[in-house]
Structure formats: C-alpha cells, structure tokens
Amino acid sequence: MMGDLCDANDCARFLRSTEGKRHLESLKNQLLGKRITDVTFSNEVFGIMTTLHLDDGRTFRVLDLSLTVETLRDEFPEALEEEYYKDYPERKPEAPSHR
C-alpha cells in the first residue's frame, strides 16, 4: 500500500502528538498481558482484516500490509486467477489442443 509524503507526515505528527501518544498507549494497554484465544479474517474490500479475539472478550482488528488487495494481487496472482475461473467458468479460455 503506497501513500504520499502528506500521509507520512500526518502519521509522524500523530505519533509525536500528546493525543496520539495517549491513544497508542490505550491500545497498547488493551493488548499487554492478554492472551489471543482465536484469530479470524474478514473481507473488508481494501484487503483482508485480521481480528484477534482476546481472553477478556475484547477483539482487536489489525490491518496487515501483506493482506491488502494490492499485495494479494502481486503475491498470489495464480490463486486469484484460479478462484476467478471457479466463479466464472464460462470465461475460462479454452486450453490449446496438442496434436
């Protein structure tokens, strides 16, 4: 997933801001000392979302850059093509005949 310099600058500003630090500390505290009891995945259009299910009943959603749709297309083109033709078998090109 590619962003531009404005995106990077806003992330840097958030990381150094008091409010950003407070928010990240809150997220950290929600995770520290917890045990992951399950992991599930869901289609969120822009990619696959990972949801961590914690032992206190909370869930924590994570966007892993390896699961963005752009990365999936780059890393797994054969798998996507195979599944595409399962959805649309009538669109699969005929295999060339070997004589």
PDB file of N, CA and C in Angstrom:
ATOM      1  N   MET A   1       0.862  -1.158   0.000  1.00  0.00           N
ATOM      2  CA  MET A   1       0.000   0.000   0.000  1.00  0.00           C
ATOM      3  C   MET A   1       0.914   1.228   0.000  1.00  0.00           C
ATOM      4  N   MET A   2       0.764   2.061  -0.990  1.00  0.00           N
ATOM      5  CA  MET A   2       1.629   3.222  -1.115  1.00  0.00           C
ATOM      6  C   MET A   2       0.873   4.471  -0.692  1.00  0.00           C
ATOM      7  N   GLY A   3       1.531   5.318   0.065  1.00  0.00           N
ATOM      8  CA  GLY A   3       0.966   6.604   0.429  1.00  0.00           C
ATOM      9  C   GLY A   3       1.867   7.694  -0.112  1.00  0.00           C
ATOM     10  N   ASP A   4       1.514   8.923   0.177  1.00  0.00           N
ATOM     11  CA  ASP A   4       2.376  10.007  -0.262  1.00  0.00           C
ATOM     12  C   ASP A   4       3.012  10.665   0.946  1.00  0.00           C
ATOM     13  N   LEU A   5       3.827  11.674   0.712  1.00  0.00           N
ATOM     14  CA  LEU A   5       4.552  12.355   1.773  1.00  0.00           C
ATOM     15  C   LEU A   5       3.592  12.992   2.776  1.00  0.00           C
ATOM     16  N   CYS A   6       2.465  13.496   2.313  1.00  0.00           N
ATOM     17  CA  CYS A   6       1.479  14.086   3.231  1.00  0.00           C
ATOM     18  C   CYS A   6       0.979  13.047   4.225  1.00  0.00           C
ATOM     19  N   ASP A   7       0.732  11.825   3.751  1.00  0.00           N
ATOM     20  CA  ASP A   7       0.288  10.753   4.642  1.00  0.00           C
ATOM     21  C   ASP A   7       1.364  10.440   5.674  1.00  0.00           C
ATOM     22  N   ALA A   8       2.606  10.320   5.224  1.00  0.00           N
ATOM     23  CA  ALA A   8       3.713  10.016   6.132  1.00  0.00           C
ATOM     24  C   ALA A   8       3.890  11.128   7.160  1.00  0.00           C
ATOM     25  N   ASN A   9       3.777  12.366   6.715  1.00  0.00           N
ATOM     26  CA  ASN A   9       3.915  13.492   7.642  1.00  0.00           C
ATOM     27  C   ASN A   9       2.798  13.501   8.685  1.00  0.00           C
ATOM     28  N   ASP A  10       1.571  13.208   8.264  1.00  0.00           N
ATOM     29  CA  ASP A  10       0.470  13.165   9.228  1.00  0.00           C
ATOM     30  C   ASP A  10       0.663  12.033  10.233  1.00  0.00           C
ATOM     31  N   CYS A  11       1.163  10.899   9.784  1.00  0.00           N
ATOM     32  CA  CYS A  11       1.448   9.795  10.713  1.00  0.00           C
ATOM     33  C   CYS A  11       2.521  10.207  11.710  1.00  0.00           C
ATOM     34  N   ALA A  12       3.574  10.860  11.240  1.00  0.00           N
ATOM     35  CA  ALA A  12       4.641  11.323  12.133  1.00  0.00           C
ATOM     36  C   ALA A  12       4.095  12.328  13.144  1.00  0.00           C
ATOM     37  N   ARG A  13       3.252  13.231  12.702  1.00  0.00           N
ATOM     38  CA  ARG A  13       2.647  14.214  13.607  1.00  0.00           C
ATOM     39  C   ARG A  13       1.799  13.532  14.665  1.00  0.00           C
ATOM     40  N   PHE A  14       1.017  12.539  14.239  1.00  0.00           N
ATOM     41  CA  PHE A  14       0.179  11.808  15.191  1.00  0.00           C
ATOM     42  C   PHE A  14       1.039  11.078  16.226  1.00  0.00           C
ATOM     43  N   LEU A  15       2.106  10.411  15.765  1.00  0.00           N
ATOM     44  CA  LEU A  15       2.980   9.665  16.672  1.00  0.00           C
ATOM     45  C   LEU A  15       3.631  10.549  17.727  1.00  0.00           C
ATOM     46  N   ARG A  16       3.928  11.804  17.386  1.00  0.00           N
ATOM     47  CA  ARG A  16       4.600  12.679  18.350  1.00  0.00           C
ATOM     48  C   ARG A  16       3.628  13.525  19.170  1.00  0.00           C
ATOM     49  N   SER A  17       2.355  13.559  18.774  1.00  0.00           N
ATOM     50  CA  SER A  17       1.385  14.394  19.493  1.00  0.00           C
ATOM     51  C   SER A  17       1.001  13.763  20.828  1.00  0.00           C
ATOM     52  N   THR A  18       0.610  14.606  21.767  1.00  0.00           N
ATOM     53  CA  THR A  18       0.156  14.130  23.077  1.00  0.00           C
ATOM     54  C   THR A  18      -1.071  13.232  22.923  1.00  0.00           C
ATOM     55  N   GLU A  19      -2.027  13.662  22.126  1.00  0.00           N
ATOM     56  CA  GLU A  19      -3.242  12.872  21.911  1.00  0.00           C
ATOM     57  C   GLU A  19      -2.926  11.545  21.227  1.00  0.00           C
ATOM     58  N   GLY A  20      -2.024  11.569  20.252  1.00  0.00           N
ATOM     59  CA  GLY A  20      -1.620  10.341  19.569  1.00  0.00           C
ATOM     60  C   GLY A  20      -0.942   9.376  20.520  1.00  0.00           C
ATOM     61  N   LYS A  21      -0.020   9.887  21.328  1.00  0.00           N
ATOM     62  CA  LYS A  21       0.662   9.042  22.310  1.00  0.00           C
ATOM     63  C   LYS A  21      -0.332   8.435  23.290  1.00  0.00           C
ATOM     64  N   ARG A  22      -1.305   9.233  23.726  1.00  0.00           N
ATOM     65  CA  ARG A  22      -2.327   8.747  24.660  1.00  0.00           C
ATOM     66  C   ARG A  22      -3.166   7.633  24.012  1.00  0.00           C
ATOM     67  N   HIS A  23      -3.543   7.837  22.750  1.00  0.00           N
ATOM     68  CA  HIS A  23      -4.348   6.833  22.042  1.00  0.00           C
ATOM     69  C   HIS A  23      -3.557   5.536  21.861  1.00  0.00           C
ATOM     70  N   LEU A  24      -2.307   5.652  21.441  1.00  0.00           N
ATOM     71  CA  LEU A  24      -1.487   4.453  21.241  1.00  0.00           C
ATOM     72  C   LEU A  24      -1.214   3.734  22.560  1.00  0.00           C
ATOM     73  N   GLU A  25      -1.011   4.481  23.631  1.00  0.00           N
ATOM     74  CA  GLU A  25      -0.814   3.872  24.949  1.00  0.00           C
ATOM     75  C   GLU A  25      -2.069   3.104  25.371  1.00  0.00           C
ATOM     76  N   SER A  26      -3.242   3.645  25.058  1.00  0.00           N
ATOM     77  CA  SER A  26      -4.501   2.963  25.363  1.00  0.00           C
ATOM     78  C   SER A  26      -4.594   1.649  24.589  1.00  0.00           C
ATOM     79  N   LEU A  27      -4.239   1.679  23.309  1.00  0.00           N
ATOM     80  CA  LEU A  27      -4.247   0.449  22.511  1.00  0.00           C
ATOM     81  C   LEU A  27      -3.254  -0.566  23.068  1.00  0.00           C
ATOM     82  N   LYS A  28      -2.080  -0.098  23.419  1.00  0.00           N
ATOM     83  CA  LYS A  28      -1.050  -0.966  23.995  1.00  0.00           C
ATOM     84  C   LYS A  28      -1.561  -1.631  25.265  1.00  0.00           C
ATOM     85  N   ASN A  29      -2.200  -0.856  26.125  1.00  0.00           N
ATOM     86  CA  ASN A  29      -2.709  -1.396  27.386  1.00  0.00           C
ATOM     87  C   ASN A  29      -3.830  -2.408  27.183  1.00  0.00           C
ATOM     88  N   GLN A  30      -4.574  -2.260  26.097  1.00  0.00           N
ATOM     89  CA  GLN A  30      -5.630  -3.232  25.788  1.00  0.00           C
ATOM     90  C   GLN A  30      -5.042  -4.589  25.410  1.00  0.00           C
ATOM     91  N   LEU A  31      -3.801  -4.592  24.945  1.00  0.00           N
ATOM     92  CA  LEU A  31      -3.181  -5.825  24.462  1.00  0.00           C
ATOM     93  C   LEU A  31      -2.208  -6.457  25.450  1.00  0.00           C
ATOM     94  N   LEU A  32      -1.487  -5.646  26.198  1.00  0.00           N
ATOM     95  CA  LEU A  32      -0.476  -6.181  27.102  1.00  0.00           C
ATOM     96  C   LEU A  32      -1.082  -7.144  28.121  1.00  0.00           C
ATOM     97  N   GLY A  33      -0.458  -8.289  28.261  1.00  0.00           N
ATOM     98  CA  GLY A  33      -0.900  -9.269  29.244  1.00  0.00           C
ATOM     99  C   GLY A  33      -2.101 -10.096  28.820  1.00  0.00           C
ATOM    100  N   LYS A  34      -2.648  -9.829  27.657  1.00  0.00           N
ATOM    101  CA  LYS A  34      -3.815 -10.572  27.175  1.00  0.00           C
ATOM    102  C   LYS A  34      -3.348 -11.771  26.365  1.00  0.00           C
ATOM    103  N   ARG A  35      -4.206 -12.749  26.321  1.00  0.00           N
ATOM    104  CA  ARG A  35      -3.938 -13.941  25.531  1.00  0.00           C
ATOM    105  C   ARG A  35      -4.893 -13.944  24.350  1.00  0.00           C
ATOM    106  N   ILE A  36      -4.350 -14.285  23.187  1.00  0.00           N
ATOM    107  CA  ILE A  36      -5.182 -14.404  21.984  1.00  0.00           C
ATOM    108  C   ILE A  36      -5.829 -15.781  22.015  1.00  0.00           C
ATOM    109  N   THR A  37      -7.169 -15.809  21.978  1.00  0.00           N
ATOM    110  CA  THR A  37      -7.896 -17.077  22.031  1.00  0.00           C
ATOM    111  C   THR A  37      -8.335 -17.560  20.656  1.00  0.00           C
ATOM    112  N   ASP A  38      -8.390 -16.638  19.694  1.00  0.00           N
ATOM    113  CA  ASP A  38      -8.770 -17.009  18.334  1.00  0.00           C
ATOM    114  C   ASP A  38      -8.326 -15.897  17.395  1.00  0.00           C
ATOM    115  N   VAL A  39      -8.186 -16.233  16.144  1.00  0.00           N
ATOM    116  CA  VAL A  39      -7.859 -15.272  15.094  1.00  0.00           C
ATOM    117  C   VAL A  39      -8.795 -15.556  13.934  1.00  0.00           C
ATOM    118  N   THR A  40      -9.495 -14.527  13.464  1.00  0.00           N
ATOM    119  CA  THR A  40     -10.386 -14.676  12.317  1.00  0.00           C
ATOM    120  C   THR A  40     -10.020 -13.638  11.266  1.00  0.00           C
ATOM    121  N   PHE A  41     -10.495 -13.871  10.044  1.00  0.00           N
ATOM    122  CA  PHE A  41     -10.191 -12.997   8.915  1.00  0.00           C
ATOM    123  C   PHE A  41     -11.498 -12.618   8.232  1.00  0.00           C
ATOM    124  N   SER A  42     -11.550 -11.379   7.721  1.00  0.00           N
ATOM    125  CA  SER A  42     -12.752 -10.929   7.021  1.00  0.00           C
ATOM    126  C   SER A  42     -12.373 -10.078   5.820  1.00  0.00           C
ATOM    127  N   ASN A  43     -13.241 -10.104   4.819  1.00  0.00           N
ATOM    128  CA  ASN A  43     -13.067  -9.323   3.601  1.00  0.00           C
ATOM    129  C   ASN A  43     -13.555  -7.902   3.873  1.00  0.00           C
ATOM    130  N   GLU A  44     -12.655  -6.939   3.793  1.00  0.00           N
ATOM    131  CA  GLU A  44     -13.002  -5.537   4.036  1.00  0.00           C
ATOM    132  C   GLU A  44     -12.842  -4.689   2.775  1.00  0.00           C
ATOM    133  N   VAL A  45     -12.889  -5.298   1.611  1.00  0.00           N
ATOM    134  CA  VAL A  45     -12.798  -4.695   0.282  1.00  0.00           C
ATOM    135  C   VAL A  45     -11.371  -4.229  -0.036  1.00  0.00           C
ATOM    136  N   PHE A  46     -10.762  -3.434   0.825  1.00  0.00           N
ATOM    137  CA  PHE A  46      -9.400  -2.945   0.588  1.00  0.00           C
ATOM    138  C   PHE A  46      -8.367  -4.004   0.939  1.00  0.00           C
ATOM    139  N   GLY A  47      -8.817  -5.073   1.584  1.00  0.00           N
ATOM    140  CA  GLY A  47      -7.925  -6.143   1.975  1.00  0.00           C
ATOM    141  C   GLY A  47      -8.591  -7.067   2.974  1.00  0.00           C
ATOM    142  N   ILE A  48      -7.794  -7.969   3.508  1.00  0.00           N
ATOM    143  CA  ILE A  48      -8.277  -8.928   4.493  1.00  0.00           C
ATOM    144  C   ILE A  48      -7.932  -8.392   5.880  1.00  0.00           C
ATOM    145  N   MET A  49      -8.943  -8.238   6.721  1.00  0.00           N
ATOM    146  CA  MET A  49      -8.748  -7.758   8.085  1.00  0.00           C
ATOM    147  C   MET A  49      -8.520  -8.957   8.995  1.00  0.00           C
ATOM    148  N   THR A  50      -7.551  -8.837   9.881  1.00  0.00           N
ATOM    149  CA  THR A  50      -7.284  -9.849  10.891  1.00  0.00           C
ATOM    150  C   THR A  50      -7.911  -9.374  12.194  1.00  0.00           C
ATOM    151  N   THR A  51      -8.705 -10.229  12.828  1.00  0.00           N
ATOM    152  CA  THR A  51      -9.286  -9.894  14.125  1.00  0.00           C
ATOM    153  C   THR A  51      -8.731 -10.842  15.165  1.00  0.00           C
ATOM    154  N   LEU A  52      -8.116 -10.253  16.181  1.00  0.00           N
ATOM    155  CA  LEU A  52      -7.601 -11.022  17.313  1.00  0.00           C
ATOM    156  C   LEU A  52      -8.675 -11.037  18.391  1.00  0.00           C
ATOM    157  N   HIS A  53      -9.028 -12.217  18.851  1.00  0.00           N
ATOM    158  CA  HIS A  53     -10.014 -12.374  19.919  1.00  0.00           C
ATOM    159  C   HIS A  53      -9.235 -12.618  21.206  1.00  0.00           C
ATOM    160  N   LEU A  54      -9.415 -11.724  22.168  1.00  0.00           N
ATOM    161  CA  LEU A  54      -8.629 -11.765  23.394  1.00  0.00           C
ATOM    162  C   LEU A  54      -9.364 -12.485  24.515  1.00  0.00           C
ATOM    163  N   ASP A  55      -8.617 -12.912  25.516  1.00  0.00           N
ATOM    164  CA  ASP A  55      -9.182 -13.693  26.614  1.00  0.00           C
ATOM    165  C   ASP A  55     -10.127 -12.898  27.511  1.00  0.00           C
ATOM    166  N   ASP A  56     -10.144 -11.570  27.389  1.00  0.00           N
ATOM    167  CA  ASP A  56     -11.090 -10.772  28.179  1.00  0.00           C
ATOM    168  C   ASP A  56     -12.375 -10.479  27.413  1.00  0.00           C
ATOM    169  N   GLY A  57     -12.534 -11.123  26.230  1.00  0.00           N
ATOM    170  CA  GLY A  57     -13.740 -10.948  25.420  1.00  0.00           C
ATOM    171  C   GLY A  57     -13.638  -9.830  24.399  1.00  0.00           C
ATOM    172  N   ARG A  58     -12.605  -9.023  24.492  1.00  0.00           N
ATOM    173  CA  ARG A  58     -12.437  -7.941  23.520  1.00  0.00           C
ATOM    174  C   ARG A  58     -11.877  -8.486  22.220  1.00  0.00           C
ATOM    175  N   THR A  59     -12.035  -7.695  21.178  1.00  0.00           N
ATOM    176  CA  THR A  59     -11.421  -8.016  19.892  1.00  0.00           C
ATOM    177  C   THR A  59     -10.540  -6.853  19.484  1.00  0.00           C
ATOM    178  N   PHE A  60      -9.536  -7.172  18.707  1.00  0.00           N
ATOM    179  CA  PHE A  60      -8.595  -6.169  18.228  1.00  0.00           C
ATOM    180  C   PHE A  60      -8.381  -6.429  16.754  1.00  0.00           C
ATOM    181  N   ARG A  61      -8.708  -5.440  15.935  1.00  0.00           N
ATOM    182  CA  ARG A  61      -8.605  -5.591  14.483  1.00  0.00           C
ATOM    183  C   ARG A  61      -7.273  -5.048  14.000  1.00  0.00           C
ATOM    184  N   VAL A  62      -6.633  -5.804  13.108  1.00  0.00           N
ATOM    185  CA  VAL A  62      -5.306  -5.465  12.612  1.00  0.00           C
ATOM    186  C   VAL A  62      -5.319  -5.514  11.087  1.00  0.00           C
ATOM    187  N   LEU A  63      -4.783  -4.471  10.473  1.00  0.00           N
ATOM    188  CA  LEU A  63      -4.593  -4.496   9.026  1.00  0.00           C
ATOM    189  C   LEU A  63      -3.126  -4.789   8.772  1.00  0.00           C
ATOM    190  N   ASP A  64      -2.856  -5.978   8.299  1.00  0.00           N
ATOM    191  CA  ASP A  64      -1.502  -6.401   7.956  1.00  0.00           C
ATOM    192  C   ASP A  64      -1.281  -6.026   6.498  1.00  0.00           C
ATOM    193  N   LEU A  65      -0.208  -5.291   6.229  1.00  0.00           N
ATOM    194  CA  LEU A  65       0.037  -4.839   4.857  1.00  0.00           C
ATOM    195  C   LEU A  65       0.202  -5.992   3.877  1.00  0.00           C
ATOM    196  N   SER A  66       0.546  -7.182   4.371  1.00  0.00           N
ATOM    197  CA  SER A  66       0.667  -8.334   3.471  1.00  0.00           C
ATOM    198  C   SER A  66      -0.693  -8.838   3.002  1.00  0.00           C
ATOM    199  N   LEU A  67      -1.768  -8.290   3.584  1.00  0.00           N
ATOM    200  CA  LEU A  67      -3.115  -8.732   3.217  1.00  0.00           C
ATOM    201  C   LEU A  67      -3.932  -7.644   2.517  1.00  0.00           C
ATOM    202  N   THR A  68      -3.270  -6.574   2.056  1.00  0.00           N
ATOM    203  CA  THR A  68      -4.000  -5.585   1.255  1.00  0.00           C
ATOM    204  C   THR A  68      -4.267  -6.192  -0.117  1.00  0.00           C
ATOM    205  N   VAL A  69      -5.293  -5.730  -0.781  1.00  0.00           N
ATOM    206  CA  VAL A  69      -5.660  -6.310  -2.072  1.00  0.00           C
ATOM    207  C   VAL A  69      -4.529  -6.142  -3.088  1.00  0.00           C
ATOM    208  N   GLU A  70      -3.796  -5.039  -3.027  1.00  0.00           N
ATOM    209  CA  GLU A  70      -2.672  -4.836  -3.960  1.00  0.00           C
ATOM    210  C   GLU A  70      -1.604  -5.908  -3.748  1.00  0.00           C
ATOM    211  N   THR A  71      -1.288  -6.182  -2.495  1.00  0.00           N
ATOM    212  CA  THR A  71      -0.276  -7.192  -2.190  1.00  0.00           C
ATOM    213  C   THR A  71      -0.764  -8.576  -2.576  1.00  0.00           C
ATOM    214  N   LEU A  72      -2.024  -8.879  -2.306  1.00  0.00           N
ATOM    215  CA  LEU A  72      -2.568 -10.187  -2.689  1.00  0.00           C
ATOM    216  C   LEU A  72      -2.478 -10.383  -4.197  1.00  0.00           C
ATOM    217  N   ARG A  73      -2.785  -9.342  -4.945  1.00  0.00           N
ATOM    218  CA  ARG A  73      -2.699  -9.430  -6.409  1.00  0.00           C
ATOM    219  C   ARG A  73      -1.265  -9.637  -6.874  1.00  0.00           C
ATOM    220  N   ASP A  74      -0.324  -8.986  -6.201  1.00  0.00           N
ATOM    221  CA  ASP A  74       1.093  -9.130  -6.562  1.00  0.00           C
ATOM    222  C   ASP A  74       1.656 -10.489  -6.165  1.00  0.00           C
ATOM    223  N   GLU A  75       1.304 -10.958  -4.979  1.00  0.00           N
ATOM    224  CA  GLU A  75       1.916 -12.160  -4.409  1.00  0.00           C
ATOM    225  C   GLU A  75       1.205 -13.464  -4.787  1.00  0.00           C
ATOM    226  N   PHE A  76      -0.082 -13.391  -5.091  1.00  0.00           N
ATOM    227  CA  PHE A  76      -0.865 -14.610  -5.323  1.00  0.00           C
ATOM    228  C   PHE A  76      -1.704 -14.542  -6.597  1.00  0.00           C
ATOM    229  N   PRO A  77      -1.114 -14.128  -7.723  1.00  0.00           N
ATOM    230  CA  PRO A  77      -1.926 -13.984  -8.938  1.00  0.00           C
ATOM    231  C   PRO A  77      -2.528 -15.297  -9.418  1.00  0.00           C
ATOM    232  N   GLU A  78      -1.791 -16.386  -9.283  1.00  0.00           N
ATOM    233  CA  GLU A  78      -2.309 -17.681  -9.749  1.00  0.00           C
ATOM    234  C   GLU A  78      -3.512 -18.126  -8.922  1.00  0.00           C
ATOM    235  N   ALA A  79      -3.429 -17.945  -7.616  1.00  0.00           N
ATOM    236  CA  ALA A  79      -4.547 -18.336  -6.750  1.00  0.00           C
ATOM    237  C   ALA A  79      -5.787 -17.513  -7.071  1.00  0.00           C
ATOM    238  N   LEU A  80      -5.606 -16.211  -7.282  1.00  0.00           N
ATOM    239  CA  LEU A  80      -6.749 -15.352  -7.604  1.00  0.00           C
ATOM    240  C   LEU A  80      -7.349 -15.719  -8.957  1.00  0.00           C
ATOM    241  N   GLU A  81      -6.489 -16.018  -9.925  1.00  0.00           N
ATOM    242  CA  GLU A  81      -6.992 -16.411 -11.244  1.00  0.00           C
ATOM    243  C   GLU A  81      -7.758 -17.734 -11.167  1.00  0.00           C
ATOM    244  N   GLU A  82      -7.223 -18.683 -10.445  1.00  0.00           N
ATOM    245  CA  GLU A  82      -7.893 -19.986 -10.290  1.00  0.00           C
ATOM    246  C   GLU A  82      -9.275 -19.813  -9.658  1.00  0.00           C
ATOM    247  N   GLU A  83      -9.345 -18.997  -8.610  1.00  0.00           N
ATOM    248  CA  GLU A  83     -10.631 -18.783  -7.948  1.00  0.00           C
ATOM    249  C   GLU A  83     -11.583 -17.964  -8.810  1.00  0.00           C
ATOM    250  N   TYR A  84     -11.039 -17.043  -9.606  1.00  0.00           N
ATOM    251  CA  TYR A  84     -11.863 -16.260 -10.529  1.00  0.00           C
ATOM    252  C   TYR A  84     -12.598 -17.184 -11.494  1.00  0.00           C
ATOM    253  N   TYR A  85     -11.866 -18.154 -12.054  1.00  0.00           N
ATOM    254  CA  TYR A  85     -12.497 -19.060 -13.013  1.00  0.00           C
ATOM    255  C   TYR A  85     -13.445 -20.042 -12.343  1.00  0.00           C
ATOM    256  N   LYS A  86     -13.338 -20.247 -11.054  1.00  0.00           N
ATOM    257  CA  LYS A  86     -14.357 -21.019 -10.331  1.00  0.00           C
ATOM    258  C   LYS A  86     -15.649 -20.214 -10.251  1.00  0.00           C
ATOM    259  N   ASP A  87     -15.503 -18.893 -10.085  1.00  0.00           N
ATOM    260  CA  ASP A  87     -16.680 -18.015 -10.052  1.00  0.00           C
ATOM    261  C   ASP A  87     -17.298 -17.849 -11.438  1.00  0.00           C
ATOM    262  N   TYR A  88     -16.452 -17.817 -12.479  1.00  0.00           N
ATOM    263  CA  TYR A  88     -16.900 -17.569 -13.847  1.00  0.00           C
ATOM    264  C   TYR A  88     -16.303 -18.610 -14.788  1.00  0.00           C
ATOM    265  N   PRO A  89     -16.723 -19.871 -14.687  1.00  0.00           N
ATOM    266  CA  PRO A  89     -16.120 -20.915 -15.531  1.00  0.00           C
ATOM    267  C   PRO A  89     -16.330 -20.658 -17.023  1.00  0.00           C
ATOM    268  N   GLU A  90     -17.401 -19.979 -17.374  1.00  0.00           N
ATOM    269  CA  GLU A  90     -17.669 -19.706 -18.786  1.00  0.00           C
ATOM    270  C   GLU A  90     -16.654 -18.735 -19.386  1.00  0.00           C
ATOM    271  N   ARG A  91     -15.902 -18.040 -18.578  1.00  0.00           N
ATOM    272  CA  ARG A  91     -14.914 -17.078 -19.063  1.00  0.00           C
ATOM    273  C   ARG A  91     -13.520 -17.685 -19.212  1.00  0.00           C
ATOM    274  N   LYS A  92     -13.353 -18.909 -18.779  1.00  0.00           N
ATOM    275  CA  LYS A  92     -12.026 -19.538 -18.840  1.00  0.00           C
ATOM    276  C   LYS A  92     -11.693 -19.848 -20.294  1.00  0.00           C
ATOM    277  N   PRO A  93     -10.513 -19.401 -20.744  1.00  0.00           N
ATOM    278  CA  PRO A  93     -10.143 -19.678 -22.139  1.00  0.00           C
ATOM    279  C   PRO A  93      -9.959 -21.174 -22.370  1.00  0.00           C
ATOM    280  N   GLU A  94     -10.262 -21.563 -23.568  1.00  0.00           N
ATOM    281  CA  GLU A  94     -10.075 -22.961 -23.941  1.00  0.00           C
ATOM    282  C   GLU A  94      -8.589 -23.318 -23.927  1.00  0.00           C
ATOM    283  N   ALA A  95      -8.277 -24.493 -23.418  1.00  0.00           N
ATOM    284  CA  ALA A  95      -6.872 -24.959 -23.444  1.00  0.00           C
ATOM    285  C   ALA A  95      -6.523 -25.298 -24.884  1.00  0.00           C
ATOM    286  N   PRO A  96      -5.312 -24.914 -25.309  1.00  0.00           N
ATOM    287  CA  PRO A  96      -4.919 -25.251 -26.682  1.00  0.00           C
ATOM    288  C   PRO A  96      -4.823 -26.766 -26.843  1.00  0.00           C
ATOM    289  N   SER A  97      -5.277 -27.246 -27.987  1.00  0.00           N
ATOM    290  CA  SER A  97      -5.192 -28.690 -28.244  1.00  0.00           C
ATOM    291  C   SER A  97      -3.786 -29.022 -28.715  1.00  0.00           C
ATOM    292  N   HIS A  98      -3.265 -30.125 -28.229  1.00  0.00           N
ATOM    293  CA  HIS A  98      -1.925 -30.571 -28.606  1.00  0.00           C
ATOM    294  C   HIS A  98      -2.076 -31.724 -29.593  1.00  0.00           C
ATOM    295  N   ARG A  99      -1.646 -31.502 -30.815  1.00  0.00           N
ATOM    296  CA  ARG A  99      -1.797 -32.532 -31.846  1.00  0.00           C
ATOM    297  C   ARG A  99      -0.508 -33.168 -32.141  1.00  0.00           C
TER     298      ARG A  99
END
